[in-house]
Amino acid sequence: GLVDALADQLALIEAGIDFTDQEDVVPVPPGSLDDRLAQVGMRLGDLLGRSRPWSALESLPRVVLVGRPSTGKSTLFNALLGRERAVTSPLPGTTRDVLMEPLTLRDVEGRCVEVMLVDVAGLDSPQGALDRDVQAAARWAIRSADLLLYLHDAGEHLQLDTDFAAWLQDGPTAVPPVVRVRTKADLAPAPGKAAPASDADVAVSAVTGQGLDALRAAIAQRLGGRAVSIAAEALALQPRHESALRQAREHLEAARALLTRQRAARHIDRAELVAGYLRQALDELAGLGGRMTPDEVIGRVFARFCIGK
């Protein structure tokens, strides 16, 4: 939207520079253009004001999904995020890396809070060097967790103490707080068998959505005040993105500084310099909102004015 708005204003200046001999082209007055750029500047300032550095995500409390292979960790990871972030497969061992994504929740007071949701490989006995590295990364994630979601499916009995004693070998003995989650709750028991008893805190189905809201509430409740309050539309910016937004705002302010001094005039003095600042602002925003080429700007001139007709 910012790229589009800036390109429209640049097109007005370009029309006044290159097509003043056309009857339909009336150069935009400095005061009018200044007012329009002020609106764009306010939008840039708002965007920067409600953003935070990407590094701030490192301070979010970590909620780690753990369990044996094929208990549905990655499927639940995607379901909680609302998008296909992790690759899933019925085959065990699909997840190899530690995946981390911010997850927005609502606490007991209804505020938006944020945690870092972490998906790790299913914990099992390693079969080779690669498996050992994968398991070591998973154990590191568990040790750094503020809360663990311990997953087991309907056919598996919980062995919480025994499992963590094995998984955290050579690590600290203290286990983070745990929410026990029974997955695949939509699956019926095998014919002739009763549903197994479960002492899980929450039963969920990533396929039907059953229990997902209850799990989100359990996460927020167990973390208490450690979840980070955020603005509803906060953005996490990479350093280069934040730099681009700030540079674009500086170029915009430079253009406005030229216009402010001549608000009462009918025509823009040094219009080429004003256009140059807007072009620089557009170039800064190219990495975030798409590149607007000079030909595309001229195309907007022809679309707005009856040039050559």
Protein backbone atom coordinates (compact mmCIF):
# COMPACT_ATOMS: atom_id res chain seq x y z
CA GLY A 1 0.00 0.00 0.00
CA LEU A 2 2.83 2.43 0.79
CA VAL A 3 4.57 1.64 -2.50
CA ASP A 4 1.34 2.25 -4.36
CA ALA A 5 0.66 5.56 -2.59
CA LEU A 6 4.19 6.86 -3.19
CA ALA A 7 4.10 5.81 -6.85
CA ASP A 8 0.86 7.76 -7.35
CA GLN A 9 2.44 10.94 -5.96
CA LEU A 10 5.60 10.47 -8.01
CA ALA A 11 3.44 10.07 -11.12
CA LEU A 12 1.84 13.46 -10.43
CA ILE A 13 5.26 15.12 -10.23
CA GLU A 14 6.53 13.33 -13.36
CA ALA A 15 3.44 14.49 -15.27
CA GLY A 16 4.16 18.09 -14.30
CA ILE A 17 7.79 17.76 -15.40
CA ASP A 18 7.44 15.91 -18.71
CA PHE A 19 3.97 16.67 -20.03
CA THR A 20 3.22 20.32 -19.24
CA ASP A 21 2.47 20.90 -22.94
CA GLN A 22 -0.57 18.64 -22.70
CA GLU A 23 -3.89 20.38 -22.04
CA ASP A 24 -5.11 17.71 -19.64
CA VAL A 25 -2.03 17.89 -17.41
CA VAL A 26 -2.28 20.37 -14.53
CA PRO A 27 0.85 20.26 -12.32
CA VAL A 28 0.07 19.35 -8.72
CA PRO A 29 0.45 22.36 -6.36
CA PRO A 30 3.18 22.07 -3.69
CA GLY A 31 0.74 22.38 -0.78
CA SER A 32 -1.53 19.64 -2.08
CA LEU A 33 1.38 17.28 -2.69
CA ASP A 34 2.81 18.05 0.75
CA ASP A 35 -0.50 17.11 2.38
CA ARG A 36 -0.60 13.81 0.50
CA LEU A 37 2.98 12.96 1.42
CA ALA A 38 2.20 13.81 5.04
CA GLN A 39 -0.42 11.06 5.01
CA VAL A 40 2.11 8.58 3.61
CA GLY A 41 4.60 9.68 6.26
CA MET A 42 2.04 9.06 9.00
CA ARG A 43 1.51 5.53 7.71
CA LEU A 44 5.26 4.89 7.67
CA GLY A 45 5.56 6.23 11.21
CA ASP A 46 2.68 4.06 12.38
CA LEU A 47 4.29 1.00 10.83
CA LEU A 48 7.58 1.67 12.58
CA GLY A 49 5.83 2.56 15.83
CA ARG A 50 4.07 -0.78 16.14
CA SER A 51 7.01 -2.93 15.07
CA ARG A 52 9.85 -4.50 17.03
CA PRO A 53 13.21 -5.96 16.11
CA TRP A 54 13.26 -9.63 15.12
CA SER A 55 15.74 -10.19 17.95
CA ALA A 56 12.95 -9.38 20.43
CA LEU A 57 11.41 -12.75 19.55
CA GLU A 58 14.31 -14.41 21.34
CA SER A 59 12.85 -13.22 24.65
CA LEU A 60 9.49 -14.95 24.08
CA PRO A 61 8.77 -17.91 26.40
CA ARG A 62 9.34 -21.17 24.54
CA VAL A 63 6.61 -23.79 24.31
CA VAL A 64 8.11 -27.03 22.98
CA LEU A 65 6.13 -29.94 21.52
CA VAL A 66 7.74 -33.23 22.50
CA GLY A 67 6.86 -36.89 22.19
CA ARG A 68 7.78 -40.06 20.41
CA PRO A 69 7.89 -40.18 16.59
CA SER A 70 4.56 -40.03 14.76
CA THR A 71 2.52 -38.68 17.67
CA GLY A 72 1.38 -35.74 15.53
CA LYS A 73 3.71 -32.99 16.79
CA SER A 74 4.23 -31.27 13.44
CA THR A 75 0.55 -31.59 12.51
CA LEU A 76 -0.42 -29.95 15.81
CA PHE A 77 2.31 -27.33 15.30
CA ASN A 78 0.70 -26.36 11.98
CA ALA A 79 -2.82 -26.45 13.43
CA LEU A 80 -1.94 -24.09 16.29
CA LEU A 81 -0.23 -21.68 13.89
CA GLY A 82 -3.07 -21.88 11.38
CA ARG A 83 -0.79 -22.58 8.41
CA GLU A 84 1.42 -25.31 6.95
CA ARG A 85 4.76 -24.32 8.49
CA ALA A 86 6.16 -27.82 9.11
CA VAL A 87 6.30 -30.67 6.60
CA THR A 88 4.15 -33.57 7.79
CA SER A 89 4.08 -37.22 6.80
CA PRO A 90 2.70 -40.49 8.18
CA LEU A 91 6.27 -41.79 8.12
CA PRO A 92 8.25 -41.37 11.36
CA GLY A 93 11.29 -39.13 11.42
CA THR A 94 9.99 -36.42 9.05
CA THR A 95 11.00 -33.55 11.35
CA ARG A 96 14.78 -33.15 11.52
CA ASP A 97 15.38 -29.53 12.50
CA VAL A 98 14.12 -27.44 15.39
CA LEU A 99 11.33 -25.22 13.99
CA MET A 100 10.31 -22.06 15.86
CA GLU A 101 7.41 -19.71 15.12
CA PRO A 102 5.67 -16.99 17.18
CA LEU A 103 2.19 -17.99 18.33
CA THR A 104 -0.41 -15.41 19.42
CA LEU A 105 -2.76 -16.35 22.27
CA ARG A 106 -5.21 -14.62 24.59
CA ASP A 107 -4.54 -14.75 28.31
CA VAL A 108 -7.18 -15.08 31.04
CA GLU A 109 -7.73 -11.30 30.90
CA GLY A 110 -8.35 -11.36 27.17
CA ARG A 111 -5.08 -9.63 26.19
CA CYS A 112 -3.09 -10.67 23.14
CA VAL A 113 0.07 -12.41 24.29
CA GLU A 114 2.78 -14.17 22.35
CA VAL A 115 4.93 -17.25 22.86
CA MET A 116 7.49 -19.04 20.72
CA LEU A 117 6.11 -22.40 19.58
CA VAL A 118 8.84 -24.98 18.95
CA ASP A 119 8.60 -28.26 17.04
CA VAL A 120 11.34 -30.87 17.45
CA ALA A 121 12.08 -34.33 16.14
CA GLY A 122 10.39 -37.26 17.82
CA LEU A 123 12.60 -38.48 20.61
CA ASP A 124 13.84 -42.03 20.17
CA SER A 125 17.03 -44.07 20.15
CA PRO A 126 19.42 -42.66 17.51
CA GLN A 127 20.45 -45.02 14.72
CA GLY A 128 23.44 -43.09 13.36
CA ALA A 129 25.47 -39.89 13.47
CA LEU A 130 22.74 -37.78 11.86
CA ASP A 131 20.13 -39.14 14.26
CA ARG A 132 22.38 -38.32 17.19
CA ASP A 133 22.68 -34.71 16.00
CA VAL A 134 18.91 -34.48 15.52
CA GLN A 135 18.25 -35.88 18.98
CA ALA A 136 20.83 -33.54 20.54
CA ALA A 137 19.10 -30.54 18.95
CA ALA A 138 15.74 -31.75 20.28
CA ARG A 139 17.14 -32.18 23.79
CA TRP A 140 18.64 -28.69 23.66
CA ALA A 141 15.21 -27.30 22.79
CA ILE A 142 13.63 -29.20 25.68
CA ARG A 143 16.19 -27.86 28.15
CA SER A 144 15.53 -24.29 27.01
CA ALA A 145 11.73 -24.67 27.24
CA ASP A 146 9.51 -22.64 29.55
CA LEU A 147 6.66 -25.09 28.95
CA LEU A 148 6.48 -28.53 27.38
CA LEU A 149 3.53 -29.97 25.47
CA TYR A 150 4.00 -33.70 25.97
CA LEU A 151 2.17 -35.47 23.16
CA HIS A 152 0.95 -39.06 23.05
CA ASP A 153 -1.69 -40.57 20.82
CA ALA A 154 -4.79 -42.49 21.81
CA GLY A 155 -3.05 -45.84 21.73
CA GLU A 156 -0.05 -44.84 23.85
CA HIS A 157 0.15 -44.69 27.61
CA LEU A 158 1.98 -41.83 29.29
CA GLN A 159 5.40 -42.57 30.72
CA LEU A 160 6.29 -39.02 31.61
CA ASP A 161 8.92 -39.53 34.30
CA THR A 162 10.63 -42.44 32.53
CA ASP A 163 10.68 -40.70 29.15
CA PHE A 164 12.14 -37.43 30.40
CA ALA A 165 14.75 -39.20 32.48
CA ALA A 166 16.00 -40.83 29.26
CA TRP A 167 15.56 -37.81 26.96
CA LEU A 168 17.35 -35.38 29.24
CA GLN A 169 20.31 -37.58 30.04
CA ASP A 170 23.48 -35.62 30.74
CA GLY A 171 21.29 -32.52 31.16
CA PRO A 172 19.71 -30.73 34.09
CA THR A 173 17.41 -32.87 36.23
CA ALA A 174 14.65 -30.25 36.51
CA VAL A 175 11.86 -30.75 33.97
CA PRO A 176 9.97 -27.62 32.82
CA PRO A 177 6.20 -27.43 33.48
CA VAL A 178 4.29 -29.90 31.32
CA VAL A 179 0.86 -29.94 29.66
CA ARG A 180 0.00 -33.52 28.72
CA VAL A 181 -1.75 -33.65 25.34
CA ARG A 182 -3.52 -36.66 23.83
CA THR A 183 -3.46 -36.29 20.05
CA LYS A 184 -5.59 -37.83 17.29
CA ALA A 185 -8.69 -37.59 19.47
CA ASP A 186 -10.87 -37.89 16.35
CA LEU A 187 -9.73 -41.47 15.71
CA ALA A 188 -12.05 -44.20 16.98
CA PRO A 189 -10.54 -47.16 18.90
CA ALA A 190 -9.85 -50.32 16.99
CA PRO A 191 -12.87 -52.63 16.54
CA GLY A 192 -13.53 -54.64 19.67
CA LYS A 193 -11.32 -52.44 21.83
CA ALA A 194 -12.40 -49.83 24.33
CA ALA A 195 -10.88 -46.37 24.24
CA PRO A 196 -7.76 -46.37 26.45
CA ALA A 197 -7.91 -44.48 29.70
CA SER A 198 -5.98 -41.21 29.56
CA ASP A 199 -4.71 -38.85 32.20
CA ALA A 200 -3.95 -36.17 29.60
CA ASP A 201 -4.72 -32.55 30.45
CA VAL A 202 -6.14 -31.88 26.97
CA ALA A 203 -7.35 -34.11 24.13
CA VAL A 204 -6.97 -32.60 20.67
CA SER A 205 -7.50 -33.35 17.01
CA ALA A 206 -5.46 -31.29 14.58
CA VAL A 207 -7.75 -32.57 11.80
CA THR A 208 -11.12 -31.50 13.24
CA GLY A 209 -9.88 -28.71 15.52
CA GLN A 210 -11.21 -30.43 18.62
CA GLY A 211 -9.49 -29.20 21.77
CA LEU A 212 -7.28 -26.58 20.08
CA ASP A 213 -8.88 -23.65 21.91
CA ALA A 214 -8.63 -25.56 25.19
CA LEU A 215 -4.94 -26.20 24.50
CA ARG A 216 -4.28 -22.53 23.72
CA ALA A 217 -6.00 -21.59 26.99
CA ALA A 218 -3.95 -24.18 28.88
CA ILE A 219 -0.70 -22.78 27.45
CA ALA A 220 -1.60 -19.21 28.45
CA GLN A 221 -2.75 -20.36 31.90
CA ARG A 222 0.37 -22.43 32.65
CA LEU A 223 2.73 -19.66 31.53
CA GLY A 224 0.84 -17.03 33.51
CA GLY A 225 2.57 -13.66 33.39
CA ARG A 226 5.56 -14.95 31.40
CA ALA A 227 3.75 -14.67 28.06
CA VAL A 228 4.66 -11.40 26.34
CA SER A 229 1.89 -8.87 25.75
CA ILE A 230 1.87 -7.52 22.20
CA ALA A 231 -0.05 -5.10 20.06
CA ALA A 232 -2.67 -6.87 17.98
CA GLU A 233 -0.96 -5.88 14.70
CA ALA A 234 2.66 -5.76 15.84
CA LEU A 235 5.27 -6.60 13.22
CA ALA A 236 8.63 -8.26 13.74
CA LEU A 237 11.17 -6.64 11.43
CA GLN A 238 14.49 -7.93 10.23
CA PRO A 239 17.24 -5.28 10.63
CA ARG A 240 17.34 -4.62 6.87
CA HIS A 241 13.55 -4.14 6.78
CA GLU A 242 13.59 -1.67 9.66
CA SER A 243 16.47 0.19 8.02
CA ALA A 244 14.57 0.36 4.72
CA LEU A 245 11.48 1.82 6.40
CA ARG A 246 13.52 4.43 8.26
CA GLN A 247 15.49 5.40 5.13
CA ALA A 248 12.26 5.70 3.14
CA ARG A 249 10.84 8.01 5.80
CA GLU A 250 13.99 10.17 5.70
CA HIS A 251 13.73 10.56 1.91
CA LEU A 252 10.05 11.39 2.28
CA GLU A 253 10.84 14.05 4.88
CA ALA A 254 13.51 15.52 2.60
CA ALA A 255 10.93 15.85 -0.19
CA ARG A 256 8.45 17.46 2.20
CA ALA A 257 11.08 19.91 3.42
CA LEU A 258 11.34 21.27 -0.14
CA LEU A 259 7.57 21.43 -0.52
CA THR A 260 6.83 23.05 2.85
CA ARG A 261 8.86 26.13 1.94
CA GLN A 262 6.72 26.70 -1.17
CA ARG A 263 3.23 25.64 -0.04
CA ALA A 264 1.65 28.88 -1.26
CA ALA A 265 3.13 28.58 -4.76
CA ARG A 266 1.13 27.30 -7.75
CA HIS A 267 3.94 25.18 -9.18
CA ILE A 268 6.64 23.04 -7.60
CA ASP A 269 10.10 24.57 -7.73
CA ARG A 270 12.93 22.02 -8.19
CA ALA A 271 10.39 19.32 -9.00
CA GLU A 272 13.14 17.00 -10.26
CA LEU A 273 14.74 17.03 -6.80
CA VAL A 274 11.43 16.26 -5.10
CA ALA A 275 10.86 13.42 -7.57
CA GLY A 276 14.36 12.12 -6.86
CA TYR A 277 13.66 11.85 -3.13
CA LEU A 278 10.42 9.97 -3.79
CA ARG A 279 12.21 7.63 -6.17
CA GLN A 280 14.78 6.90 -3.44
CA ALA A 281 11.98 6.21 -0.96
CA LEU A 282 10.38 3.79 -3.42
CA ASP A 283 13.70 2.01 -3.95
CA GLU A 284 14.08 1.55 -0.18
CA LEU A 285 10.64 -0.04 0.05
CA ALA A 286 11.26 -2.39 -2.89
CA GLY A 287 12.42 -5.23 -0.64
CA LEU A 288 9.22 -5.12 1.39
CA GLY A 289 6.45 -4.07 -0.97
CA GLY A 290 7.78 -4.82 -4.46
CA ARG A 291 9.83 -2.77 -6.88
CA MET A 292 8.13 0.09 -8.73
CA THR A 293 10.09 0.72 -11.93
CA PRO A 294 10.26 4.11 -13.70
CA ASP A 295 8.27 2.65 -16.60
CA GLU A 296 5.50 1.64 -14.20
CA VAL A 297 5.39 5.17 -12.80
CA ILE A 298 5.10 6.61 -16.33
CA GLY A 299 2.34 4.08 -16.95
CA ARG A 300 0.40 5.65 -14.09
CA VAL A 301 0.82 9.05 -15.73
CA PHE A 302 -0.74 7.79 -18.96
CA ALA A 303 -3.49 6.04 -17.01
CA ARG A 304 -4.45 9.21 -15.16
CA PHE A 305 -4.13 11.86 -17.88
CA CYS A 306 -5.34 11.99 -21.49
CA ILE A 307 -1.85 12.44 -22.92
CA GLY A 308 -1.46 12.41 -26.67
CA LYS A 309 -5.19 12.12 -27.36
